[in-house]
Amino acid sequence: RYQLGDLMHLALGGAYVPCRNLMTVSDEILAYLARMGGSDSWIPVEEALNEFVMVQHKVGRTTFYKEITGLIEEGRIIATNKRNRKIRLVIK
């Protein structure tokens, strides 16, 4: 089915492009932590790194660590020490 915005786009001569909900890398990391245990269990950062960088090829290693650092600074996840770091989701 078409929505009004889609019909306007077609009327202006453009191709039909369906609306998509794209998740940010941070949102995908939060969703991954929720699936892996929520706020009850600690997940090793290396496990999440392997999933996002090696398996899914979503981002590079540096971007992954920047996103993790951003989530920690925002208070959306908490982390243990720097070496062998584990992370956990914060439910507010």
Protein backbone atom coordinates (compact mmCIF):
# COMPACT_ATOMS: atom_id res chain seq x y z
CA ARG A 1 0.00 0.00 0.00
CA TYR A 2 1.10 3.52 -0.68
CA GLN A 3 1.12 6.27 1.88
CA LEU A 4 0.46 9.92 1.06
CA GLY A 5 4.17 10.77 1.08
CA ASP A 6 4.87 7.91 -1.31
CA LEU A 7 2.14 9.11 -3.67
CA MET A 8 3.54 12.64 -3.61
CA HIS A 9 6.97 11.25 -4.45
CA LEU A 10 5.51 9.34 -7.41
CA ALA A 11 3.60 12.39 -8.56
CA LEU A 12 6.85 14.34 -8.69
CA GLY A 13 8.39 11.72 -10.98
CA GLY A 14 10.55 9.84 -8.49
CA ALA A 15 10.74 6.10 -7.98
CA TYR A 16 8.91 4.44 -5.10
CA VAL A 17 11.14 4.06 -2.06
CA PRO A 18 9.52 2.33 0.91
CA CYS A 19 10.13 3.82 4.34
CA ARG A 20 12.63 1.85 6.42
CA ASN A 21 13.52 1.99 10.06
CA LEU A 22 17.31 1.93 10.15
CA MET A 23 18.92 1.25 13.51
CA THR A 24 22.13 2.97 14.49
CA VAL A 25 25.12 0.88 15.51
CA SER A 26 24.54 1.94 19.12
CA ASP A 27 20.93 0.77 18.96
CA GLU A 28 22.01 -2.55 17.48
CA ILE A 29 24.58 -3.02 20.27
CA LEU A 30 21.87 -2.31 22.87
CA ALA A 31 19.52 -4.78 21.17
CA TYR A 32 22.29 -7.39 21.10
CA LEU A 33 22.92 -6.94 24.83
CA ALA A 34 19.19 -7.23 25.53
CA ARG A 35 19.01 -10.50 23.56
CA MET A 36 22.10 -11.89 25.27
CA GLY A 37 20.84 -11.44 28.80
CA GLY A 38 19.56 -7.93 29.39
CA SER A 39 20.65 -6.27 32.60
CA ASP A 40 21.14 -9.58 34.41
CA SER A 41 24.36 -10.85 32.85
CA TRP A 42 27.75 -9.47 31.89
CA ILE A 43 28.74 -9.94 28.23
CA PRO A 44 32.44 -9.89 27.24
CA VAL A 45 33.21 -7.02 24.86
CA GLU A 46 35.23 -9.44 22.72
CA GLU A 47 32.07 -11.51 22.16
CA ALA A 48 30.12 -8.47 20.95
CA LEU A 49 33.12 -7.33 18.90
CA ASN A 50 33.27 -10.71 17.20
CA GLU A 51 29.55 -10.53 16.36
CA PHE A 52 29.54 -6.99 14.92
CA VAL A 53 32.98 -6.85 13.28
CA MET A 54 33.84 -10.41 12.28
CA VAL A 55 30.47 -12.12 11.71
CA GLN A 56 28.06 -9.40 10.56
CA HIS A 57 30.71 -7.00 9.14
CA LYS A 58 28.60 -4.03 10.26
CA VAL A 59 31.46 -1.78 11.41
CA GLY A 60 35.20 -1.81 11.89
CA ARG A 61 37.01 -2.42 15.15
CA THR A 62 37.69 1.28 15.84
CA THR A 63 34.08 2.33 15.20
CA PHE A 64 32.84 -0.49 17.42
CA TYR A 65 35.00 0.66 20.34
CA LYS A 66 33.93 4.31 19.78
CA GLU A 67 30.28 3.24 19.95
CA ILE A 68 30.90 1.23 23.15
CA THR A 69 32.70 4.20 24.72
CA GLY A 70 29.83 6.50 23.75
CA LEU A 71 27.25 4.16 25.29
CA ILE A 72 29.27 4.00 28.52
CA GLU A 73 29.57 7.80 28.66
CA GLU A 74 25.81 8.18 28.05
CA GLY A 75 25.10 5.75 30.89
CA ARG A 76 23.21 3.32 28.66
CA ILE A 77 25.61 0.46 29.48
CA ILE A 78 28.05 -0.15 32.30
CA ALA A 79 31.44 -1.79 32.01
CA THR A 80 34.04 -3.50 34.15
CA ASN A 81 37.76 -2.75 34.09
CA LYS A 82 39.55 -1.99 30.80
CA ARG A 83 41.33 -5.34 30.40
CA ASN A 84 39.00 -8.26 29.61
CA ARG A 85 36.14 -5.77 29.78
CA LYS A 86 32.57 -6.96 30.22
CA ILE A 87 29.51 -4.85 29.55
CA ARG A 88 25.94 -4.90 30.77
CA LEU A 89 22.78 -3.12 29.71
CA VAL A 90 21.32 -0.47 32.02
CA ILE A 91 17.53 -0.59 32.29
CA LYS A 92 16.07 2.75 33.38
